[in-house]
N, C-alpha and C. Protein backbone atom coordinates (compact mmCIF):
# COMPACT_ATOMS: atom_id res chain seq x y z
N MET A 1 0.79 -1.16 0.00
CA MET A 1 0.00 0.00 0.00
C MET A 1 0.84 1.24 0.00
N HIS A 2 1.37 1.65 -0.57
CA HIS A 2 2.23 2.79 -0.84
C HIS A 2 2.38 3.75 0.32
N GLY A 3 2.42 3.38 1.51
CA GLY A 3 2.71 4.19 2.68
C GLY A 3 1.62 5.20 3.06
N TYR A 4 0.40 4.90 2.80
CA TYR A 4 -0.68 5.83 3.17
C TYR A 4 -1.05 5.63 4.61
N THR A 5 -1.03 6.67 5.39
CA THR A 5 -1.44 6.61 6.78
C THR A 5 -2.63 7.54 6.96
N PRO A 6 -3.75 7.01 7.44
CA PRO A 6 -4.92 7.89 7.62
C PRO A 6 -4.63 8.96 8.67
N GLN A 7 -5.06 10.14 8.37
CA GLN A 7 -4.88 11.27 9.29
C GLN A 7 -6.17 11.47 10.07
N PRO A 8 -6.06 11.90 11.31
CA PRO A 8 -7.28 12.17 12.06
C PRO A 8 -7.98 13.39 11.43
N PRO A 9 -9.31 13.43 11.53
CA PRO A 9 -10.02 14.57 10.95
C PRO A 9 -9.59 15.87 11.63
N PRO A 10 -9.60 16.94 10.87
CA PRO A 10 -9.17 18.21 11.49
C PRO A 10 -10.14 18.60 12.60
N ALA A 11 -9.60 19.31 13.57
CA ALA A 11 -10.44 19.77 14.69
C ALA A 11 -11.49 20.73 14.14
N PRO A 12 -12.71 20.63 14.65
CA PRO A 12 -13.74 21.54 14.16
C PRO A 12 -13.34 22.99 14.42
N ARG A 13 -13.65 23.81 13.43
CA ARG A 13 -13.31 25.24 13.57
C ARG A 13 -14.26 25.88 14.56
N ARG A 14 -13.69 26.67 15.40
CA ARG A 14 -14.51 27.42 16.36
C ARG A 14 -15.02 28.67 15.67
N PRO A 15 -16.23 29.12 16.07
CA PRO A 15 -16.75 30.36 15.48
C PRO A 15 -15.76 31.51 15.73
N TRP A 16 -15.76 32.48 14.81
CA TRP A 16 -14.81 33.58 14.87
C TRP A 16 -14.91 34.37 16.17
N TYR A 17 -16.14 34.47 16.72
CA TYR A 17 -16.29 35.28 17.92
C TYR A 17 -15.73 34.59 19.16
N SER A 18 -15.56 33.27 19.09
CA SER A 18 -15.02 32.57 20.27
C SER A 18 -13.53 32.86 20.43
N ARG A 19 -12.92 33.38 19.37
CA ARG A 19 -11.50 33.74 19.46
C ARG A 19 -11.32 35.09 20.13
N LEU A 20 -12.42 35.81 20.36
CA LEU A 20 -12.34 37.12 21.01
C LEU A 20 -12.29 36.94 22.52
N SER A 21 -11.71 37.91 23.19
CA SER A 21 -11.68 37.85 24.65
C SER A 21 -13.10 38.09 25.16
N VAL A 22 -13.32 37.79 26.41
CA VAL A 22 -14.63 37.98 27.02
C VAL A 22 -15.03 39.46 26.95
N LEU A 23 -14.10 40.35 27.19
CA LEU A 23 -14.37 41.78 27.12
C LEU A 23 -14.77 42.19 25.70
N GLN A 24 -14.06 41.66 24.71
CA GLN A 24 -14.40 41.98 23.32
C GLN A 24 -15.76 41.42 22.94
N GLN A 25 -16.09 40.23 23.43
CA GLN A 25 -17.40 39.65 23.14
C GLN A 25 -18.52 40.50 23.76
N ALA A 26 -18.31 40.97 24.99
CA ALA A 26 -19.30 41.81 25.67
C ALA A 26 -19.48 43.13 24.91
N ALA A 27 -18.38 43.73 24.49
CA ALA A 27 -18.46 45.00 23.75
C ALA A 27 -19.18 44.79 22.43
N LEU A 28 -18.90 43.69 21.75
CA LEU A 28 -19.57 43.39 20.49
C LEU A 28 -21.07 43.17 20.71
N SER A 29 -21.42 42.46 21.75
CA SER A 29 -22.84 42.22 22.06
C SER A 29 -23.57 43.53 22.33
N PHE A 30 -22.96 44.40 23.16
CA PHE A 30 -23.58 45.70 23.44
C PHE A 30 -23.70 46.54 22.17
N SER A 31 -22.70 46.51 21.32
CA SER A 31 -22.75 47.28 20.06
C SER A 31 -23.90 46.81 19.19
N ILE A 32 -24.09 45.52 19.10
CA ILE A 32 -25.17 44.97 18.28
C ILE A 32 -26.52 45.37 18.87
N VAL A 33 -26.66 45.25 20.19
CA VAL A 33 -27.92 45.62 20.84
C VAL A 33 -28.22 47.09 20.62
N PHE A 34 -27.22 47.97 20.80
CA PHE A 34 -27.45 49.40 20.61
C PHE A 34 -27.75 49.73 19.14
N ALA A 35 -27.12 49.04 18.22
CA ALA A 35 -27.40 49.27 16.80
C ALA A 35 -28.85 48.89 16.48
N VAL A 36 -29.31 47.77 17.01
CA VAL A 36 -30.70 47.35 16.79
C VAL A 36 -31.66 48.33 17.43
N LEU A 37 -31.37 48.75 18.66
CA LEU A 37 -32.23 49.73 19.33
C LEU A 37 -32.25 51.05 18.57
N GLY A 38 -31.11 51.48 18.04
CA GLY A 38 -31.06 52.69 17.25
C GLY A 38 -31.90 52.58 16.00
N LEU A 39 -31.84 51.44 15.33
CA LEU A 39 -32.63 51.21 14.13
C LEU A 39 -34.12 51.24 14.48
N VAL A 40 -34.50 50.60 15.58
CA VAL A 40 -35.90 50.61 16.01
C VAL A 40 -36.33 52.05 16.32
N ALA A 41 -35.48 52.82 16.99
CA ALA A 41 -35.82 54.21 17.32
C ALA A 41 -36.02 55.03 16.05
N VAL A 42 -35.18 54.83 15.05
CA VAL A 42 -35.32 55.56 13.79
C VAL A 42 -36.64 55.21 13.12
N VAL A 43 -36.99 53.93 13.10
CA VAL A 43 -38.24 53.50 12.48
C VAL A 43 -39.44 54.08 13.23
N VAL A 44 -39.39 54.03 14.56
CA VAL A 44 -40.50 54.58 15.36
C VAL A 44 -40.60 56.08 15.16
N PHE A 45 -39.46 56.79 15.17
CA PHE A 45 -39.48 58.24 14.97
C PHE A 45 -40.01 58.59 13.60
N ALA A 46 -39.62 57.85 12.59
CA ALA A 46 -40.11 58.11 11.23
C ALA A 46 -41.62 57.90 11.16
N ALA A 47 -42.11 56.88 11.85
CA ALA A 47 -43.54 56.62 11.86
C ALA A 47 -44.28 57.75 12.58
N MET A 48 -43.68 58.31 13.63
CA MET A 48 -44.31 59.41 14.35
C MET A 48 -44.30 60.68 13.51
N ALA A 49 -43.29 60.85 12.66
CA ALA A 49 -43.18 62.08 11.87
C ALA A 49 -44.17 62.11 10.71
N VAL A 50 -44.75 60.96 10.39
CA VAL A 50 -45.75 60.94 9.32
C VAL A 50 -47.03 61.54 9.88
N PRO A 51 -47.48 62.64 9.32
CA PRO A 51 -48.66 63.27 9.89
C PRO A 51 -49.90 62.40 9.74
N ARG A 52 -50.67 62.37 10.81
CA ARG A 52 -51.93 61.64 10.79
C ARG A 52 -53.01 62.60 11.18
N GLY A 53 -54.00 62.71 10.39
CA GLY A 53 -55.11 63.59 10.71
C GLY A 53 -56.41 62.90 10.37
N GLU A 54 -57.45 63.30 11.04
CA GLU A 54 -58.73 62.71 10.77
C GLU A 54 -59.30 63.23 9.46
N GLN A 55 -58.96 64.48 9.13
CA GLN A 55 -59.46 65.08 7.91
C GLN A 55 -58.39 64.94 6.84
N ALA A 56 -58.77 64.43 5.69
CA ALA A 56 -57.81 64.29 4.61
C ALA A 56 -57.37 65.67 4.15
N PRO A 57 -56.09 65.83 3.80
CA PRO A 57 -55.64 67.13 3.34
C PRO A 57 -56.33 67.51 2.03
N LEU A 58 -56.48 68.80 1.85
CA LEU A 58 -57.12 69.28 0.63
C LEU A 58 -56.23 69.01 -0.57
N THR A 59 -56.84 68.54 -1.63
CA THR A 59 -56.08 68.33 -2.86
C THR A 59 -56.06 69.64 -3.64
N ASP A 60 -55.20 69.72 -4.64
CA ASP A 60 -55.15 70.92 -5.47
C ASP A 60 -56.48 71.13 -6.18
N GLN A 61 -57.14 70.05 -6.57
CA GLN A 61 -58.44 70.16 -7.23
C GLN A 61 -59.49 70.72 -6.25
N ASP A 62 -59.45 70.24 -4.98
CA ASP A 62 -60.37 70.77 -3.96
C ASP A 62 -60.19 72.28 -3.81
N ILE A 63 -58.94 72.71 -3.73
CA ILE A 63 -58.65 74.12 -3.53
C ILE A 63 -59.09 74.94 -4.74
N GLN A 64 -58.88 74.40 -5.94
CA GLN A 64 -59.32 75.12 -7.14
C GLN A 64 -60.84 75.31 -7.13
N GLU A 65 -61.56 74.28 -6.74
CA GLU A 65 -63.02 74.39 -6.65
C GLU A 65 -63.43 75.40 -5.59
N LEU A 66 -62.72 75.41 -4.45
CA LEU A 66 -63.03 76.37 -3.40
C LEU A 66 -62.73 77.80 -3.85
N ARG A 67 -61.66 77.96 -4.63
CA ARG A 67 -61.31 79.30 -5.14
C ARG A 67 -62.41 79.86 -6.02
N GLU A 68 -63.06 78.99 -6.75
CA GLU A 68 -64.15 79.44 -7.61
C GLU A 68 -65.30 80.02 -6.79
N ASP A 69 -65.46 79.53 -5.55
CA ASP A 69 -66.51 80.03 -4.66
C ASP A 69 -66.04 81.16 -3.77
N ALA A 70 -64.74 81.52 -3.84
CA ALA A 70 -64.19 82.56 -2.97
C ALA A 70 -64.81 83.91 -3.31
N PRO A 71 -64.98 84.73 -2.30
CA PRO A 71 -65.56 86.05 -2.56
C PRO A 71 -64.62 86.88 -3.43
N ASP A 72 -65.20 87.86 -4.09
CA ASP A 72 -64.39 88.75 -4.90
C ASP A 72 -63.35 89.43 -4.02
N GLY A 73 -62.21 89.65 -4.58
CA GLY A 73 -61.17 90.34 -3.84
C GLY A 73 -60.13 89.40 -3.25
N PHE A 74 -60.46 88.10 -3.09
CA PHE A 74 -59.44 87.19 -2.55
C PHE A 74 -58.71 86.53 -3.70
N VAL A 75 -57.41 86.75 -3.74
CA VAL A 75 -56.57 86.14 -4.76
C VAL A 75 -55.39 85.51 -4.04
N ARG A 76 -55.16 84.24 -4.30
CA ARG A 76 -54.03 83.56 -3.67
C ARG A 76 -52.74 84.16 -4.18
N GLN A 77 -51.85 84.46 -3.26
CA GLN A 77 -50.53 84.98 -3.59
C GLN A 77 -49.52 83.88 -3.31
N GLU A 78 -48.63 83.62 -4.22
CA GLU A 78 -47.61 82.58 -4.02
C GLU A 78 -46.82 82.82 -2.74
N ASP A 79 -46.53 84.10 -2.44
CA ASP A 79 -45.76 84.42 -1.24
C ASP A 79 -46.63 84.51 0.01
N GLY A 80 -47.91 84.18 -0.09
CA GLY A 80 -48.80 84.20 1.06
C GLY A 80 -49.57 85.47 1.22
N GLY A 81 -49.18 86.51 0.49
CA GLY A 81 -49.91 87.76 0.57
C GLY A 81 -49.76 88.44 1.91
N GLU A 82 -50.63 89.42 2.12
CA GLU A 82 -50.57 90.24 3.32
C GLU A 82 -51.97 90.31 3.93
N PHE A 83 -52.04 90.24 5.25
CA PHE A 83 -53.31 90.33 5.97
C PHE A 83 -53.20 91.46 6.99
N THR A 84 -54.31 92.13 7.25
CA THR A 84 -54.28 93.25 8.20
C THR A 84 -54.34 92.79 9.65
N ASN A 85 -54.88 91.59 9.88
CA ASN A 85 -54.96 91.08 11.25
C ASN A 85 -55.24 89.57 11.20
N PRO A 86 -55.09 88.87 12.33
CA PRO A 86 -55.30 87.42 12.35
C PRO A 86 -56.71 87.00 11.97
N LYS A 87 -57.70 87.83 12.28
CA LYS A 87 -59.09 87.49 11.94
C LYS A 87 -59.23 87.35 10.43
N LYS A 88 -58.54 88.18 9.66
CA LYS A 88 -58.59 88.10 8.20
C LYS A 88 -57.98 86.78 7.71
N VAL A 89 -56.93 86.31 8.40
CA VAL A 89 -56.33 85.01 8.04
C VAL A 89 -57.34 83.90 8.31
N VAL A 90 -57.96 83.93 9.48
CA VAL A 90 -58.95 82.92 9.85
C VAL A 90 -60.12 82.93 8.86
N ASP A 91 -60.57 84.13 8.47
CA ASP A 91 -61.67 84.24 7.51
C ASP A 91 -61.26 83.68 6.14
N ALA A 92 -60.04 83.97 5.71
CA ALA A 92 -59.57 83.46 4.42
C ALA A 92 -59.50 81.93 4.45
N LEU A 93 -59.04 81.38 5.55
CA LEU A 93 -58.96 79.92 5.66
C LEU A 93 -60.35 79.30 5.66
N ALA A 94 -61.30 79.98 6.29
CA ALA A 94 -62.68 79.47 6.35
C ALA A 94 -63.26 79.34 4.94
N ILE A 95 -62.87 80.22 4.04
CA ILE A 95 -63.33 80.13 2.64
C ILE A 95 -62.99 78.76 2.07
N PHE A 96 -61.82 78.24 2.47
CA PHE A 96 -61.34 76.97 1.94
C PHE A 96 -61.70 75.79 2.83
N GLY A 97 -62.50 76.03 3.86
CA GLY A 97 -62.90 74.95 4.75
C GLY A 97 -61.78 74.49 5.67
N ILE A 98 -60.80 75.35 5.90
CA ILE A 98 -59.69 75.02 6.79
C ILE A 98 -60.02 75.58 8.16
N ALA A 99 -60.18 74.69 9.13
CA ALA A 99 -60.66 75.08 10.46
C ALA A 99 -59.58 75.79 11.27
N CYS A 100 -60.04 76.75 12.05
CA CYS A 100 -59.22 77.41 13.06
C CYS A 100 -60.16 77.58 14.25
N GLU A 101 -60.36 76.47 14.96
CA GLU A 101 -61.38 76.42 16.01
C GLU A 101 -60.89 77.02 17.32
N ASP A 102 -61.83 77.50 18.11
CA ASP A 102 -61.55 78.11 19.41
C ASP A 102 -60.44 79.15 19.33
N PRO A 103 -60.57 80.14 18.45
CA PRO A 103 -59.49 81.12 18.31
C PRO A 103 -59.30 81.96 19.56
N ASP A 104 -58.06 82.16 19.93
CA ASP A 104 -57.69 83.00 21.06
C ASP A 104 -56.78 84.10 20.51
N TYR A 105 -57.28 85.33 20.47
CA TYR A 105 -56.54 86.45 19.90
C TYR A 105 -55.79 87.18 21.01
N PHE A 106 -54.55 87.57 20.72
CA PHE A 106 -53.77 88.35 21.68
C PHE A 106 -52.65 89.08 20.94
N THR A 107 -51.95 89.95 21.66
CA THR A 107 -50.83 90.70 21.10
C THR A 107 -49.54 90.16 21.70
N SER A 108 -48.55 89.94 20.84
CA SER A 108 -47.27 89.38 21.30
C SER A 108 -46.39 90.46 21.94
N LYS A 109 -45.27 90.03 22.51
CA LYS A 109 -44.31 90.96 23.12
C LYS A 109 -43.73 91.91 22.08
N THR A 110 -43.71 91.47 20.82
CA THR A 110 -43.16 92.31 19.75
C THR A 110 -44.24 93.15 19.08
N ASP A 111 -45.42 93.22 19.71
CA ASP A 111 -46.55 94.03 19.24
C ASP A 111 -47.19 93.48 17.96
N ASP A 112 -46.95 92.19 17.68
CA ASP A 112 -47.63 91.55 16.56
C ASP A 112 -48.94 90.98 17.07
N GLN A 113 -49.91 90.84 16.18
CA GLN A 113 -51.19 90.26 16.56
C GLN A 113 -51.12 88.75 16.31
N VAL A 114 -51.68 87.98 17.24
CA VAL A 114 -51.57 86.52 17.19
C VAL A 114 -52.94 85.91 17.40
N VAL A 115 -53.18 84.80 16.71
CA VAL A 115 -54.33 83.96 17.03
C VAL A 115 -53.81 82.54 17.22
N GLU A 116 -54.19 81.95 18.35
CA GLU A 116 -53.89 80.55 18.61
C GLU A 116 -55.19 79.79 18.44
N CYS A 117 -55.16 78.70 17.68
CA CYS A 117 -56.40 77.96 17.47
C CYS A 117 -56.13 76.47 17.33
N TRP A 118 -57.20 75.71 17.37
CA TRP A 118 -57.18 74.25 17.30
C TRP A 118 -57.49 73.83 15.87
N THR A 119 -56.68 72.92 15.33
CA THR A 119 -56.86 72.46 13.95
C THR A 119 -57.67 71.17 13.86
N GLY A 120 -57.95 70.58 14.99
CA GLY A 120 -58.55 69.25 15.00
C GLY A 120 -57.51 68.20 15.34
N VAL A 121 -56.23 68.59 15.24
CA VAL A 121 -55.12 67.71 15.57
C VAL A 121 -54.25 68.34 16.66
N ALA A 122 -54.01 69.63 16.53
CA ALA A 122 -53.10 70.32 17.45
C ALA A 122 -53.39 71.82 17.44
N LYS A 123 -52.74 72.53 18.36
CA LYS A 123 -52.84 73.99 18.38
C LYS A 123 -51.78 74.57 17.44
N VAL A 124 -52.15 75.64 16.77
CA VAL A 124 -51.23 76.37 15.90
C VAL A 124 -51.34 77.85 16.22
N ASN A 125 -50.35 78.61 15.81
CA ASN A 125 -50.36 80.07 15.98
C ASN A 125 -50.16 80.75 14.63
N PHE A 126 -50.99 81.75 14.37
CA PHE A 126 -50.77 82.66 13.26
C PHE A 126 -50.32 83.98 13.87
N VAL A 127 -49.18 84.47 13.45
CA VAL A 127 -48.65 85.75 13.91
C VAL A 127 -48.74 86.71 12.74
N VAL A 128 -49.38 87.86 12.96
CA VAL A 128 -49.57 88.83 11.88
C VAL A 128 -48.99 90.18 12.32
N ALA A 129 -48.05 90.69 11.50
CA ALA A 129 -47.48 92.02 11.77
C ALA A 129 -48.32 93.06 11.06
N LYS A 130 -48.13 94.29 11.45
CA LYS A 130 -48.82 95.38 10.77
C LYS A 130 -48.35 95.40 9.31
N PRO A 131 -49.25 95.60 8.36
CA PRO A 131 -48.83 95.68 6.96
C PRO A 131 -47.72 96.72 6.79
N GLY A 132 -46.73 96.36 6.03
CA GLY A 132 -45.60 97.26 5.79
C GLY A 132 -44.51 97.17 6.84
N ASP A 133 -44.66 96.33 7.86
CA ASP A 133 -43.62 96.16 8.88
C ASP A 133 -42.41 95.49 8.24
N SER A 134 -41.37 96.25 8.01
CA SER A 134 -40.21 95.74 7.28
C SER A 134 -39.31 94.84 8.14
N THR A 135 -39.52 94.81 9.45
CA THR A 135 -38.66 93.99 10.31
C THR A 135 -39.28 92.64 10.65
N PHE A 136 -40.53 92.41 10.25
CA PHE A 136 -41.23 91.19 10.66
C PHE A 136 -40.49 89.92 10.21
N ARG A 137 -40.18 89.83 8.93
CA ARG A 137 -39.54 88.62 8.40
C ARG A 137 -38.22 88.36 9.11
N SER A 138 -37.41 89.38 9.33
CA SER A 138 -36.12 89.16 10.00
C SER A 138 -36.33 88.78 11.46
N ARG A 139 -37.37 89.34 12.11
CA ARG A 139 -37.67 88.93 13.50
C ARG A 139 -38.02 87.46 13.57
N VAL A 140 -38.85 87.01 12.64
CA VAL A 140 -39.28 85.61 12.65
C VAL A 140 -38.11 84.69 12.31
N THR A 141 -37.37 85.01 11.26
CA THR A 141 -36.30 84.11 10.82
C THR A 141 -35.13 84.08 11.80
N SER A 142 -34.93 85.14 12.57
CA SER A 142 -33.82 85.14 13.53
C SER A 142 -34.23 84.68 14.92
N ASP A 143 -35.52 84.47 15.14
CA ASP A 143 -35.98 84.02 16.45
C ASP A 143 -35.45 82.61 16.73
N PRO A 144 -34.85 82.39 17.90
CA PRO A 144 -34.31 81.07 18.22
C PRO A 144 -35.35 79.95 18.13
N GLY A 145 -36.60 80.25 18.50
CA GLY A 145 -37.66 79.25 18.41
C GLY A 145 -37.93 78.83 16.97
N SER A 146 -37.85 79.78 16.06
CA SER A 146 -38.07 79.47 14.64
C SER A 146 -36.93 78.65 14.06
N GLN A 147 -35.76 78.76 14.65
CA GLN A 147 -34.59 78.06 14.12
C GLN A 147 -34.57 76.58 14.47
N ARG A 148 -35.36 76.17 15.47
CA ARG A 148 -35.38 74.75 15.85
C ARG A 148 -35.96 73.91 14.73
N LEU A 149 -35.38 72.76 14.48
CA LEU A 149 -35.87 71.85 13.44
C LEU A 149 -37.26 71.33 13.76
N THR A 150 -37.68 71.45 15.03
CA THR A 150 -39.00 70.94 15.42
C THR A 150 -40.08 72.00 15.31
N ASN A 151 -39.76 73.16 14.79
CA ASN A 151 -40.76 74.22 14.61
C ASN A 151 -41.02 74.39 13.12
N LEU A 152 -42.21 74.04 12.70
CA LEU A 152 -42.62 74.20 11.31
C LEU A 152 -43.18 75.61 11.14
N VAL A 153 -42.52 76.43 10.33
CA VAL A 153 -42.91 77.82 10.15
C VAL A 153 -43.19 78.08 8.67
N LEU A 154 -44.41 78.56 8.39
CA LEU A 154 -44.81 78.95 7.05
C LEU A 154 -44.93 80.47 7.06
N LEU A 155 -44.22 81.14 6.14
CA LEU A 155 -44.18 82.60 6.12
C LEU A 155 -44.96 83.19 4.95
N GLY A 156 -45.78 84.19 5.24
CA GLY A 156 -46.37 85.04 4.23
C GLY A 156 -45.62 86.35 4.24
N ARG A 157 -46.16 87.37 3.57
CA ARG A 157 -45.48 88.67 3.55
C ARG A 157 -45.38 89.28 4.94
N ASN A 158 -46.49 89.27 5.67
CA ASN A 158 -46.47 89.87 7.01
C ASN A 158 -47.10 88.94 8.05
N TRP A 159 -47.11 87.64 7.76
CA TRP A 159 -47.68 86.69 8.70
C TRP A 159 -46.84 85.41 8.72
N ALA A 160 -47.01 84.68 9.80
CA ALA A 160 -46.32 83.39 9.94
C ALA A 160 -47.27 82.41 10.62
N LEU A 161 -47.24 81.19 10.13
CA LEU A 161 -47.97 80.09 10.77
C LEU A 161 -46.94 79.23 11.46
N ILE A 162 -47.14 78.97 12.74
CA ILE A 162 -46.26 78.08 13.49
C ILE A 162 -47.09 76.87 13.86
N ALA A 163 -46.77 75.75 13.22
CA ALA A 163 -47.59 74.53 13.34
C ALA A 163 -46.71 73.30 13.49
N PRO A 164 -45.99 73.15 14.59
CA PRO A 164 -45.06 72.04 14.72
C PRO A 164 -45.72 70.65 14.78
N CYS A 165 -46.98 70.57 15.19
CA CYS A 165 -47.60 69.26 15.38
C CYS A 165 -48.66 68.91 14.34
N ASP A 166 -48.83 69.75 13.32
CA ASP A 166 -49.84 69.46 12.31
C ASP A 166 -49.35 69.87 10.92
N VAL A 167 -48.53 69.00 10.35
CA VAL A 167 -47.93 69.24 9.04
C VAL A 167 -49.01 69.31 7.95
N GLU A 168 -50.00 68.45 8.03
CA GLU A 168 -51.06 68.45 7.01
C GLU A 168 -51.80 69.80 7.00
N TYR A 169 -52.03 70.35 8.16
CA TYR A 169 -52.70 71.65 8.25
C TYR A 169 -51.86 72.72 7.56
N ALA A 170 -50.58 72.74 7.88
CA ALA A 170 -49.68 73.74 7.28
C ALA A 170 -49.66 73.58 5.76
N ASN A 171 -49.61 72.35 5.27
CA ASN A 171 -49.62 72.12 3.83
C ASN A 171 -50.93 72.61 3.21
N SER A 172 -52.06 72.40 3.88
CA SER A 172 -53.34 72.87 3.38
C SER A 172 -53.38 74.40 3.32
N VAL A 173 -52.84 75.05 4.36
CA VAL A 173 -52.80 76.51 4.39
C VAL A 173 -51.94 77.02 3.24
N GLN A 174 -50.80 76.38 3.03
CA GLN A 174 -49.92 76.83 1.95
C GLN A 174 -50.59 76.68 0.58
N ARG A 175 -51.26 75.56 0.37
CA ARG A 175 -51.94 75.37 -0.92
C ARG A 175 -53.08 76.36 -1.10
N ALA A 176 -53.76 76.71 0.00
CA ALA A 176 -54.92 77.59 -0.10
C ALA A 176 -54.53 79.06 -0.25
N ILE A 177 -53.69 79.57 0.63
CA ILE A 177 -53.40 81.01 0.61
C ILE A 177 -51.96 81.34 0.26
N GLY A 178 -51.09 80.33 0.12
CA GLY A 178 -49.71 80.59 -0.27
C GLY A 178 -48.78 80.64 0.92
N GLY A 179 -47.58 81.11 0.68
CA GLY A 179 -46.55 81.19 1.71
C GLY A 179 -45.40 80.27 1.39
N LYS A 180 -44.30 80.50 2.07
CA LYS A 180 -43.09 79.69 1.87
C LYS A 180 -42.62 79.19 3.23
N TYR A 181 -42.16 77.93 3.26
CA TYR A 181 -41.64 77.37 4.50
C TYR A 181 -40.28 77.98 4.82
N LEU A 182 -40.05 78.21 6.10
CA LEU A 182 -38.78 78.77 6.55
C LEU A 182 -37.63 77.83 6.21
N ARG A 183 -37.87 76.53 6.31
CA ARG A 183 -36.84 75.53 5.97
C ARG A 183 -37.51 74.38 5.26
N GLN A 184 -36.72 73.63 4.51
CA GLN A 184 -37.26 72.50 3.76
C GLN A 184 -37.30 71.22 4.60
N HIS A 185 -36.48 71.14 5.63
CA HIS A 185 -36.42 69.94 6.46
C HIS A 185 -37.02 70.25 7.83
N PHE A 186 -37.78 69.29 8.32
CA PHE A 186 -38.52 69.48 9.55
C PHE A 186 -38.60 68.17 10.30
N GLN A 187 -38.46 68.22 11.63
CA GLN A 187 -38.64 67.04 12.48
C GLN A 187 -39.82 67.30 13.40
N LYS A 188 -40.80 66.44 13.33
CA LYS A 188 -41.97 66.59 14.20
C LYS A 188 -41.52 66.39 15.65
N PRO A 189 -41.91 67.27 16.56
CA PRO A 189 -41.52 67.11 17.97
C PRO A 189 -42.07 65.82 18.56
N SER A 190 -41.37 65.30 19.53
CA SER A 190 -41.80 64.03 20.15
C SER A 190 -43.00 64.23 21.06
N ASN A 191 -43.31 65.45 21.46
CA ASN A 191 -44.43 65.68 22.38
C ASN A 191 -45.75 65.97 21.68
N CYS A 192 -45.83 65.70 20.40
CA CYS A 192 -47.09 65.93 19.66
C CYS A 192 -48.05 64.78 19.85
């Protein structure tokens, strides 16, 4: 037999992680757990950021039909136009069937007129400066509260909608009367 000697089978290979020290295995386990928890948190946060409302948002066709019924003198301005006071904003929204329930009117520290109201989902604020107030936009855009990613701000010429907890409402307002968002990216606050 030509000198063949059977060799014992090779020892089974141990899994790669068994070659790590106990400390390295513990660190790896914690890293995996935290990565999974982070992924779950991202998924949950993303699900929370999707606006949910009982009322479906107005479509462009809905708004066009409502515009046909709008009283003379109301013309949508791409930049949101100008309003003399918060009541005029509420009245314009009512034309389009956009609710601003339980309005509470007051004057801000900066002498702007404000209405806080219920949308059916959350409270929002409309802040209206006197027409021609050249400092309003810079006051709003430089305000630390407006700079937070969790504050959704829609700007008109002399008004601002602050609606951090009701994105659908803000989108409906923008489609109906115009305005531009202060920023393109927004994170819904966790307390909504």
